[in-house]
Amino acid sequence: MTGIDRHISAPQLARLVQAGGGLTPAPGVKYRALAGAVRSLILEGRLAVRVRLPAERHLAEELGVSRTTVTSAYDRLREQGYLASRQGAGSWTELPDPQALGADSPWAADEDGGLIPMHAAAPMAPTSLAAAVDAAARDLPRHTLGIGYRPLGLEPLREAVAARYTERGAATRPEQILITTGAQQAMHLIVHLLTSPGDALLVESPTYPHVLDLARLRGARIVPVGIPPGGWHLDLLTCAMRQSAARLAYLIPDFQNPTGHLMEDAGRAELVAAARACGTTLIVDETWAETTLDEVPAVRPMAAFDTDGRVFSIGSAAKLWWGGLRIGWIRTTAAMVRRLSAFRAGVDIASPLLEQLVVARLFEDLPAGRAERRAALLASRAALTAALAAELPSWTYTLPRGGGSIWALLPAPAATPIAEAAVGHGVRLAPGPWFGVDGTLESYLRLPFTQPPQVITEAVRRVAAAQAGATAPRGSLPADLMTPVL
């Protein structure tokens, strides 16, 4: 038994195809147009999953095409994972495994224009997501007796996040957790609540690009501190903290984005002590903390070294599970959680309840989620390093032991022109200047390994072809390609 009890007739499917624009391809590739039309119907939800499609002969008659055209279209859909078949049972719609997608899949393409999104260190959804969504949907009615707003966050999720911090070495109560609509919102809330225009905000260089956008939006004075190839120079950070009288410092100690460095416990303790002496509050971005790939020293959250509530830890479901959930959190004192919650009332009041239920379910099997993500990232990292060795051997890097990207040093300061040229080859890249201040870091590119291996291999091949015509900085990327989705 296939478990398929729904079907769509040939006239019904033909109407859906025609309503979507019909079949108007170049000569000889009509089957591709038909496969693309059916694939779009599935992805847009107009053709449900696990619905049996009509026989090839009947659909060909309705569309006025040859049976060979329909057969070839069905074959292409099967190759791409959108169709499954069994002898005597026909063919039915499916969704492909995201980790098996090729570079020509719309799921592996940038929604802004069909480019392979090598600018975005954003992993595919895990296989456990569908079951977590189903379980959350069954749980939802139990949470619908009230008005639905939970400004502090859903209690089971706050408990799960707090328990994970405690397990990692920073004893935490649920009252110390505020659930946010992604880590990005967490950063906005902290920066806007705790700084005024003109205040100094210390950041690593390179750093997460959106924190630079946030600092500029707030009117903060950005104080960059360079990170050498071997990792942090703590004396440079502490001196900059003291000399700038930084109100806030934004740090990424867990597989730093984009370098991949991991800060050891001694460095964390030293920085917290320096922040205490300088009167600086630390925003610690831990969004990559659960993505250990190789054997690394055991480390505790930076909050484990905090004694006076100056460490704000930010986490997210995006890197371990999926960015589409848009669920993040802040760990701080219970009093500050209440202040932040009151402040966020003017932004969005509370995060979506169903998505919080989904993440709470995912936390229930955290080891399995970590294992699946690790396996996927290891395969993609191997594909990226192999492709770089074969196609771009002059690019050098330190292999990260976790996280989701390689910070590649180019043989010449040509990151922006290479990124410009790559667009013409169907790839969107993140050049080094995105991660720094005042046009610096032109000799670097961030290369994520969060796409499936086949996509990464093809992307590097295209980037290598693009590099031939890009040798010196010429300007900047087009405006619609400037903002990274990370």
Protein backbone atom coordinates (compact mmCIF):
# COMPACT_ATOMS: atom_id res chain seq x y z
CA MET A 1 0.00 0.00 0.00
CA THR A 2 1.22 3.49 -0.78
CA GLY A 3 -1.12 5.33 1.58
CA ILE A 4 -2.18 7.61 -1.30
CA ASP A 5 -5.95 8.21 -1.24
CA ARG A 6 -6.09 11.49 -3.17
CA HIS A 7 -5.70 12.05 -6.87
CA ILE A 8 -6.01 14.84 -9.41
CA SER A 9 -7.55 14.30 -12.82
CA ALA A 10 -5.89 15.20 -16.10
CA PRO A 11 -8.34 18.09 -16.80
CA GLN A 12 -7.79 19.48 -13.29
CA LEU A 13 -3.99 19.38 -13.54
CA ALA A 14 -4.07 20.83 -17.05
CA ARG A 15 -6.16 23.77 -15.79
CA LEU A 16 -3.68 24.44 -12.99
CA VAL A 17 -0.78 24.36 -15.44
CA GLN A 18 -2.54 26.70 -17.87
CA ALA A 19 -3.55 29.06 -15.05
CA GLY A 20 0.10 29.37 -14.11
CA GLY A 21 1.06 30.60 -17.56
CA GLY A 22 0.88 27.45 -19.62
CA LEU A 23 3.74 25.90 -21.57
CA THR A 24 5.67 28.51 -23.56
CA PRO A 25 9.24 27.19 -23.69
CA ALA A 26 11.88 27.39 -26.34
CA PRO A 27 11.56 24.64 -28.99
CA GLY A 28 12.62 21.19 -27.82
CA VAL A 29 12.38 21.75 -24.07
CA LYS A 30 8.64 21.70 -23.47
CA TYR A 31 9.03 18.86 -20.99
CA ARG A 32 11.20 21.13 -18.83
CA ALA A 33 8.49 23.77 -18.84
CA LEU A 34 5.89 21.20 -17.80
CA ALA A 35 8.14 19.84 -15.03
CA GLY A 36 8.81 23.38 -13.83
CA ALA A 37 5.10 24.20 -13.82
CA VAL A 38 4.21 21.15 -11.73
CA ARG A 39 7.14 21.79 -9.39
CA SER A 40 5.94 25.38 -8.87
CA LEU A 41 2.42 24.15 -8.13
CA ILE A 42 3.82 21.87 -5.41
CA LEU A 43 6.09 24.52 -3.86
CA GLU A 44 3.33 27.13 -3.88
CA GLY A 45 0.89 24.75 -2.19
CA ARG A 46 -1.60 24.71 -5.06
CA LEU A 47 -0.90 21.02 -5.66
CA ALA A 48 -0.74 19.11 -2.39
CA VAL A 49 1.91 16.58 -1.46
CA ARG A 50 1.04 12.86 -1.75
CA VAL A 51 -1.54 13.38 -4.47
CA ARG A 52 -1.57 10.86 -7.35
CA LEU A 53 -1.04 12.47 -10.76
CA PRO A 54 -2.97 11.46 -13.87
CA ALA A 55 -1.63 8.92 -16.34
CA GLU A 56 0.85 10.34 -18.82
CA ARG A 57 -1.37 9.61 -21.82
CA HIS A 58 -4.38 11.39 -20.32
CA LEU A 59 -2.42 14.50 -19.32
CA ALA A 60 -0.79 14.65 -22.78
CA GLU A 61 -4.23 14.66 -24.40
CA GLU A 62 -5.47 17.48 -22.16
CA LEU A 63 -2.39 19.64 -22.74
CA GLY A 64 -2.15 18.92 -26.46
CA VAL A 65 1.43 17.65 -26.23
CA SER A 66 3.07 14.33 -26.99
CA ARG A 67 3.10 11.54 -24.45
CA THR A 68 6.91 11.66 -24.60
CA THR A 69 6.80 15.24 -23.32
CA VAL A 70 4.78 14.23 -20.26
CA THR A 71 6.91 11.12 -19.68
CA SER A 72 10.09 13.21 -19.78
CA ALA A 73 8.54 15.80 -17.43
CA TYR A 74 7.55 13.09 -14.94
CA ASP A 75 11.07 11.62 -15.16
CA ARG A 76 12.59 15.03 -14.42
CA LEU A 77 10.30 15.54 -11.43
CA ARG A 78 11.31 12.12 -10.10
CA GLU A 79 15.00 13.01 -10.48
CA GLN A 80 14.46 16.23 -8.53
CA GLY A 81 12.52 14.50 -5.76
CA TYR A 82 9.08 16.01 -6.48
CA LEU A 83 7.52 12.80 -7.74
CA ALA A 84 7.55 9.21 -6.49
CA SER A 85 6.31 6.18 -8.39
CA ARG A 86 5.70 2.49 -7.94
CA GLN A 87 4.78 -0.20 -10.40
CA GLY A 88 1.02 -0.57 -10.47
CA ALA A 89 0.43 2.35 -8.10
CA GLY A 90 1.12 5.28 -10.42
CA SER A 91 3.01 8.48 -9.53
CA TRP A 92 2.35 10.90 -6.70
CA THR A 93 3.71 14.24 -5.57
CA GLU A 94 6.48 14.47 -2.97
CA LEU A 95 8.86 17.00 -1.46
CA PRO A 96 12.59 16.32 -1.91
CA ASP A 97 15.13 15.90 0.86
CA PRO A 98 16.71 19.38 1.05
CA GLN A 99 20.17 17.87 1.62
CA ALA A 100 19.96 16.06 -1.71
CA LEU A 101 19.06 19.05 -3.85
CA GLY A 102 21.13 20.05 -6.84
CA ALA A 103 22.26 23.51 -7.82
CA ASP A 104 19.35 23.94 -10.24
CA SER A 105 16.73 23.44 -7.54
CA PRO A 106 14.64 26.49 -6.63
CA TRP A 107 15.19 25.61 -2.96
CA ALA A 108 18.93 26.04 -3.49
CA ALA A 109 18.53 29.39 -5.24
CA ASP A 110 18.44 32.92 -3.92
CA GLU A 111 14.85 34.13 -3.87
CA ASP A 112 16.04 37.56 -5.02
CA GLY A 113 16.89 36.37 -8.51
CA GLY A 114 17.71 32.69 -8.91
CA LEU A 115 21.33 32.98 -7.74
CA ILE A 116 23.00 30.24 -5.69
CA PRO A 117 22.96 31.86 -2.22
CA MET A 118 26.59 31.52 -1.16
CA HIS A 119 26.19 34.82 0.71
CA ALA A 120 23.93 33.23 3.33
CA ALA A 121 25.17 30.97 6.13
CA ALA A 122 21.71 29.52 6.62
CA PRO A 123 21.22 25.73 6.87
CA MET A 124 18.40 23.74 5.34
CA ALA A 125 15.55 22.52 7.54
CA PRO A 126 16.19 19.24 9.41
CA THR A 127 14.20 16.08 8.75
CA SER A 128 12.73 16.34 12.26
CA LEU A 129 10.97 19.61 11.50
CA ALA A 130 7.81 18.13 9.97
CA ALA A 131 7.17 15.87 12.96
CA ALA A 132 7.80 18.77 15.35
CA VAL A 133 5.33 20.94 13.44
CA ASP A 134 2.70 18.18 13.54
CA ALA A 135 3.20 17.70 17.29
CA ALA A 136 3.06 21.46 17.89
CA ALA A 137 -0.16 21.74 15.92
CA ARG A 138 -1.70 19.06 18.13
CA ASP A 139 -0.50 20.93 21.23
CA LEU A 140 -1.78 24.30 20.09
CA PRO A 141 -5.44 23.92 21.21
CA ARG A 142 -4.26 23.60 24.83
CA HIS A 143 -2.76 27.09 24.56
CA THR A 144 -5.70 28.86 22.93
CA LEU A 145 -7.84 29.55 26.00
CA GLY A 146 -6.32 32.99 26.51
CA ILE A 147 -5.58 35.86 24.13
CA GLY A 148 -2.43 34.20 22.76
CA TYR A 149 0.15 36.85 23.67
CA ARG A 150 3.08 35.61 25.74
CA PRO A 151 5.39 38.65 26.04
CA LEU A 152 8.03 36.70 27.95
CA GLY A 153 7.68 33.60 25.82
CA LEU A 154 6.05 30.20 26.08
CA GLU A 155 6.81 28.58 29.44
CA PRO A 156 7.89 25.14 28.12
CA LEU A 157 10.31 26.80 25.70
CA ARG A 158 11.78 29.11 28.35
CA GLU A 159 12.25 26.06 30.57
CA ALA A 160 14.00 24.16 27.75
CA VAL A 161 16.36 27.04 26.96
CA ALA A 162 17.16 27.57 30.65
CA ALA A 163 17.83 23.86 31.13
CA ARG A 164 20.24 23.87 28.20
CA TYR A 165 22.21 26.80 29.65
CA THR A 166 22.40 24.99 32.97
CA GLU A 167 23.58 21.83 31.23
CA ARG A 168 26.32 23.82 29.44
CA GLY A 169 27.60 25.27 32.72
CA ALA A 170 25.66 28.49 33.38
CA ALA A 171 22.97 27.84 35.99
CA THR A 172 19.80 29.46 34.66
CA ARG A 173 16.17 29.77 35.72
CA PRO A 174 13.31 30.11 33.19
CA GLU A 175 12.67 33.64 34.53
CA GLN A 176 16.04 34.62 33.06
CA ILE A 177 14.95 33.78 29.50
CA LEU A 178 13.10 36.09 27.10
CA ILE A 179 11.89 34.51 23.86
CA THR A 180 12.31 36.79 20.85
CA THR A 181 11.40 36.78 17.19
CA GLY A 182 14.84 35.64 16.11
CA ALA A 183 18.31 36.59 17.33
CA GLN A 184 18.16 39.71 15.19
CA GLN A 185 15.32 41.11 17.28
CA ALA A 186 17.21 40.19 20.44
CA MET A 187 20.11 42.38 19.33
CA HIS A 188 17.79 45.26 18.46
CA LEU A 189 16.07 45.16 21.84
CA ILE A 190 19.32 45.17 23.83
CA VAL A 191 21.07 47.87 21.78
CA HIS A 192 18.08 50.20 21.68
CA LEU A 193 17.31 49.78 25.38
CA LEU A 194 20.86 50.16 26.68
CA THR A 195 22.48 52.75 24.39
CA SER A 196 21.93 56.29 23.22
CA PRO A 197 23.18 57.94 20.02
CA GLY A 198 26.89 58.60 20.30
CA ASP A 199 27.62 55.76 22.72
CA ALA A 200 30.56 53.53 21.84
CA LEU A 201 29.78 49.99 20.66
CA LEU A 202 32.81 47.70 20.47
CA VAL A 203 32.73 44.99 17.80
CA GLU A 204 35.11 42.40 16.44
CA SER A 205 36.47 42.87 12.93
CA PRO A 206 35.31 40.95 11.00
CA THR A 207 31.89 40.60 12.60
CA TYR A 208 28.25 39.82 11.86
CA PRO A 209 27.19 42.48 9.30
CA HIS A 210 23.77 43.23 10.72
CA VAL A 211 25.17 44.37 14.05
CA LEU A 212 27.03 47.07 12.12
CA ASP A 213 23.74 48.07 10.47
CA LEU A 214 22.11 48.15 13.88
CA ALA A 215 24.86 50.34 15.36
CA ARG A 216 24.55 52.82 12.51
CA LEU A 217 20.77 52.86 12.84
CA ARG A 218 21.09 53.65 16.54
CA GLY A 219 23.75 56.30 15.92
CA ALA A 220 26.33 54.45 17.98
CA ARG A 221 30.06 55.02 17.58
CA ILE A 222 31.51 51.77 16.22
CA VAL A 223 34.82 50.67 17.76
CA PRO A 224 36.26 47.79 15.69
CA VAL A 225 38.95 45.47 17.06
CA GLY A 226 40.70 43.17 14.62
CA ILE A 227 40.77 39.39 14.99
CA PRO A 228 44.07 37.95 13.66
CA PRO A 229 44.06 34.60 11.81
CA GLY A 230 44.95 32.73 15.00
CA GLY A 231 42.06 34.08 17.05
CA TRP A 232 41.44 36.92 19.48
CA HIS A 233 44.18 39.08 21.00
CA LEU A 234 42.51 39.65 24.35
CA ASP A 235 44.77 42.54 25.28
CA LEU A 236 43.61 44.44 22.18
CA LEU A 237 39.97 43.85 23.12
CA THR A 238 40.41 44.91 26.74
CA CYS A 239 42.48 47.98 25.82
CA ALA A 240 39.89 49.07 23.26
CA MET A 241 37.15 48.53 25.82
CA ARG A 242 38.91 50.76 28.32
CA GLN A 243 40.13 53.46 25.93
CA SER A 244 36.77 53.88 24.14
CA ALA A 245 34.68 53.69 27.34
CA ALA A 246 32.44 51.34 25.36
CA ARG A 247 28.91 51.14 26.73
CA LEU A 248 28.36 47.82 24.93
CA ALA A 249 30.61 45.20 23.33
CA TYR A 250 29.27 42.66 20.83
CA LEU A 251 31.23 39.38 20.75
CA ILE A 252 30.83 36.01 19.03
CA PRO A 253 32.98 33.58 21.05
CA ASP A 254 31.37 30.39 19.74
CA PHE A 255 32.58 29.67 16.19
CA GLN A 256 32.86 33.34 15.40
CA ASN A 257 30.96 34.54 12.34
CA PRO A 258 32.71 34.67 9.88
CA THR A 259 36.13 33.34 11.03
CA GLY A 260 34.93 30.20 12.84
CA HIS A 261 37.21 30.77 15.87
CA LEU A 262 36.25 29.30 19.26
CA MET A 263 37.25 31.19 22.42
CA GLU A 264 38.50 29.08 25.32
CA ASP A 265 37.23 29.40 28.89
CA ALA A 266 40.24 31.38 30.09
CA GLY A 267 39.63 34.05 27.47
CA ARG A 268 35.94 34.24 28.35
CA ALA A 269 36.70 34.73 32.02
CA GLU A 270 39.30 37.39 31.22
CA LEU A 271 36.91 39.36 29.00
CA VAL A 272 34.09 39.31 31.54
CA ALA A 273 36.49 40.55 34.21
CA ALA A 274 37.71 43.33 31.89
CA ALA A 275 34.14 44.33 31.10
CA ARG A 276 33.39 44.53 34.82
CA ALA A 277 36.42 46.77 35.37
CA CYS A 278 35.51 49.03 32.42
CA GLY A 279 31.78 49.20 33.13
CA THR A 280 30.98 47.58 29.75
CA THR A 281 27.97 45.39 29.07
CA LEU A 282 28.63 42.35 26.86
CA ILE A 283 26.26 41.12 24.16
CA VAL A 284 27.36 37.55 23.51
CA ASP A 285 26.07 36.01 20.28
CA GLU A 286 25.79 32.22 20.69
CA THR A 287 23.78 31.40 17.58
CA TRP A 288 26.45 28.94 16.36
CA ALA A 289 27.22 27.42 19.77
CA GLU A 290 25.53 24.08 19.06
CA THR A 291 27.34 23.43 15.77
CA THR A 292 30.56 21.75 16.93
CA LEU A 293 32.01 19.65 14.09
CA ASP A 294 35.44 18.49 15.31
CA GLU A 295 37.00 17.68 18.67
CA VAL A 296 37.32 20.97 20.58
CA PRO A 297 38.07 21.96 24.19
CA ALA A 298 34.98 21.99 26.39
CA VAL A 299 33.81 25.56 26.96
CA ARG A 300 31.12 27.14 29.09
CA PRO A 301 28.83 30.00 28.07
CA MET A 302 30.38 33.39 28.81
CA ALA A 303 27.48 33.96 31.22
CA ALA A 304 29.04 31.31 33.49
CA PHE A 305 31.73 33.88 34.40
CA ASP A 306 29.28 36.73 35.03
CA THR A 307 28.68 37.86 38.62
CA ASP A 308 26.81 41.13 38.18
CA GLY A 309 24.41 40.71 35.26
CA ARG A 310 26.49 42.42 32.56
CA VAL A 311 26.44 39.48 30.11
CA PHE A 312 23.48 39.26 27.73
CA SER A 313 23.53 35.91 25.92
CA ILE A 314 21.69 35.61 22.61
CA GLY A 315 20.65 32.28 21.09
CA SER A 316 18.60 31.16 18.13
CA ALA A 317 16.89 28.17 16.56
CA ALA A 318 18.14 29.25 13.13
CA LYS A 319 21.51 27.50 12.86
CA LEU A 320 20.82 24.25 14.70
CA TRP A 321 17.34 23.81 13.25
CA TRP A 322 15.95 26.34 10.74
CA GLY A 323 15.89 30.09 10.21
CA GLY A 324 12.31 30.02 8.96
CA LEU A 325 11.12 29.43 12.52
CA ARG A 326 12.22 32.97 13.52
CA ILE A 327 12.64 32.10 17.19
CA GLY A 328 15.50 33.38 19.33
CA TRP A 329 16.13 34.16 23.00
CA ILE A 330 17.99 36.33 25.48
CA ARG A 331 19.52 35.06 28.72
CA THR A 332 20.00 37.80 31.32
CA THR A 333 18.75 38.63 34.83
CA ALA A 334 15.08 38.17 35.65
CA ALA A 335 14.71 41.92 36.26
CA MET A 336 16.22 42.74 32.86
CA VAL A 337 13.96 40.18 31.17
CA ARG A 338 10.98 42.13 32.49
CA ARG A 339 12.47 45.44 31.27
CA LEU A 340 13.17 44.03 27.82
CA SER A 341 9.69 42.51 27.64
CA ALA A 342 8.08 45.86 28.44
CA PHE A 343 10.31 47.56 25.86
CA ARG A 344 9.49 45.02 23.13
CA ALA A 345 5.75 45.71 23.59
CA GLY A 346 6.19 48.60 21.19
CA VAL A 347 7.76 46.32 18.60
CA ASP A 348 5.75 43.12 18.26
CA ILE A 349 4.33 42.35 21.75
CA ALA A 350 5.26 38.65 21.58
CA SER A 351 6.65 35.94 19.31
CA PRO A 352 4.35 33.54 17.38
CA LEU A 353 2.99 30.81 19.61
CA LEU A 354 3.01 27.93 17.12
CA GLU A 355 6.66 28.46 16.21
CA GLN A 356 7.56 28.48 19.91
CA LEU A 357 5.76 25.17 20.34
CA VAL A 358 7.73 23.76 17.39
CA VAL A 359 11.08 24.80 18.90
CA ALA A 360 10.07 23.43 22.30
CA ARG A 361 9.40 20.08 20.61
CA LEU A 362 12.76 20.20 18.83
CA PHE A 363 14.50 20.77 22.17
CA GLU A 364 13.04 17.48 23.38
CA ASP A 365 15.44 15.59 21.11
CA LEU A 366 18.36 18.01 21.06
CA PRO A 367 21.09 15.32 20.67
CA ALA A 368 19.46 14.00 17.51
CA GLY A 369 19.13 17.51 16.12
CA ARG A 370 22.79 18.24 16.82
CA ALA A 371 23.86 14.94 15.24
CA GLU A 372 21.87 15.55 12.07
CA ARG A 373 23.14 19.11 11.69
CA ARG A 374 26.72 18.01 12.34
CA ALA A 375 26.53 15.29 9.68
CA ALA A 376 25.12 17.70 7.11
CA LEU A 377 27.66 20.44 7.86
CA LEU A 378 30.58 17.99 7.81
CA ALA A 379 29.55 16.71 4.37
CA SER A 380 29.17 20.24 3.04
CA ARG A 381 32.43 21.42 4.60
CA ALA A 382 34.24 18.51 2.94
CA ALA A 383 32.65 19.42 -0.40
CA LEU A 384 33.73 23.05 0.00
CA THR A 385 37.34 22.28 0.92
CA ALA A 386 37.63 19.77 -1.92
CA ALA A 387 36.19 22.23 -4.42
CA LEU A 388 38.50 25.02 -3.23
CA ALA A 389 41.54 22.74 -3.54
CA ALA A 390 40.53 21.77 -7.07
CA GLU A 391 39.27 25.10 -8.40
CA LEU A 392 40.85 27.87 -6.28
CA PRO A 393 44.05 26.49 -4.74
CA SER A 394 45.53 29.97 -4.17
CA TRP A 395 42.77 30.82 -1.67
CA THR A 396 43.86 30.05 1.89
CA TYR A 397 41.96 29.63 5.15
CA THR A 398 42.01 28.14 8.63
CA LEU A 399 39.64 25.19 8.75
CA PRO A 400 36.92 25.98 11.31
CA ARG A 401 36.12 23.27 13.84
CA GLY A 402 32.49 24.34 14.01
CA GLY A 403 30.06 26.91 12.71
CA GLY A 404 28.99 27.20 9.11
CA SER A 405 31.55 29.09 7.02
CA ILE A 406 35.14 29.44 5.85
CA TRP A 407 36.80 32.86 5.96
CA ALA A 408 38.93 32.69 2.81
CA LEU A 409 41.98 34.88 2.22
CA LEU A 410 42.38 35.80 -1.45
CA PRO A 411 45.75 36.20 -3.18
CA ALA A 412 44.79 39.83 -3.98
CA PRO A 413 42.36 42.40 -2.53
CA ALA A 414 39.59 41.60 -5.01
CA ALA A 415 36.62 40.37 -2.97
CA THR A 416 34.15 42.94 -4.32
CA PRO A 417 34.98 42.52 -8.03
CA ILE A 418 34.90 38.73 -7.63
CA ALA A 419 31.47 39.02 -6.01
CA GLU A 420 30.32 41.28 -8.84
CA ALA A 421 31.58 38.85 -11.46
CA ALA A 422 30.05 35.87 -9.65
CA VAL A 423 26.58 37.37 -10.04
CA GLY A 424 26.99 36.99 -13.79
CA HIS A 425 27.79 33.32 -13.23
CA GLY A 426 24.71 32.71 -11.08
CA VAL A 427 26.26 32.92 -7.59
CA ARG A 428 25.75 35.48 -4.85
CA LEU A 429 28.76 35.94 -2.56
CA ALA A 430 29.51 37.79 0.67
CA PRO A 431 32.66 39.89 0.17
CA GLY A 432 34.85 40.81 3.13
CA PRO A 433 33.84 44.50 3.33
CA TRP A 434 30.35 43.42 4.43
CA PHE A 435 31.93 42.19 7.67
CA GLY A 436 34.07 45.23 8.45
CA VAL A 437 34.05 49.00 8.75
CA ASP A 438 35.04 51.64 6.18
CA GLY A 439 35.76 49.35 3.24
CA THR A 440 38.27 47.10 4.98
CA LEU A 441 38.67 43.31 4.50
CA GLU A 442 38.75 43.46 0.69
CA SER A 443 41.12 40.47 0.67
CA TYR A 444 38.52 38.14 2.21
CA LEU A 445 35.36 36.29 1.22
CA ARG A 446 33.07 34.37 3.52
CA LEU A 447 32.15 30.99 2.02
CA PRO A 448 29.37 29.17 3.90
CA PHE A 449 29.06 25.40 3.89
CA THR A 450 25.36 25.34 4.78
CA GLN A 451 24.11 24.43 1.29
CA PRO A 452 24.03 20.79 0.13
CA PRO A 453 27.36 19.44 -1.17
CA GLN A 454 26.26 19.36 -4.82
CA VAL A 455 25.25 23.01 -4.68
CA ILE A 456 28.54 24.04 -3.05
CA THR A 457 30.63 22.17 -5.61
CA GLU A 458 28.81 23.82 -8.49
CA ALA A 459 28.98 27.24 -6.85
CA VAL A 460 32.77 27.06 -6.40
CA ARG A 461 33.17 25.98 -10.01
CA ARG A 462 31.24 29.07 -11.11
CA VAL A 463 33.17 31.35 -8.73
CA ALA A 464 36.44 30.06 -10.18
CA ALA A 465 35.20 30.96 -13.65
CA ALA A 466 34.15 34.40 -12.40
CA GLN A 467 37.54 35.07 -10.78
CA ALA A 468 39.32 35.12 -14.14
CA GLY A 469 37.76 38.49 -15.00
CA ALA A 470 38.00 40.06 -11.55
CA THR A 471 41.43 41.29 -10.48
CA ALA A 472 41.02 44.63 -8.71
CA PRO A 473 38.34 46.55 -6.79
CA ARG A 474 36.09 48.52 -9.11
CA GLY A 475 33.20 49.66 -7.00
CA SER A 476 30.38 48.03 -5.07
CA LEU A 477 27.71 45.47 -5.69
CA PRO A 478 24.33 46.59 -7.03
CA ALA A 479 22.06 47.97 -4.30
CA ASP A 480 19.69 44.99 -4.44
CA LEU A 481 22.58 42.61 -3.72
CA MET A 482 24.19 44.55 -0.90
CA THR A 483 22.30 43.32 2.17
CA PRO A 484 23.37 39.83 3.27
CA VAL A 485 20.78 37.32 4.47
CA LEU A 486 22.71 35.57 7.24
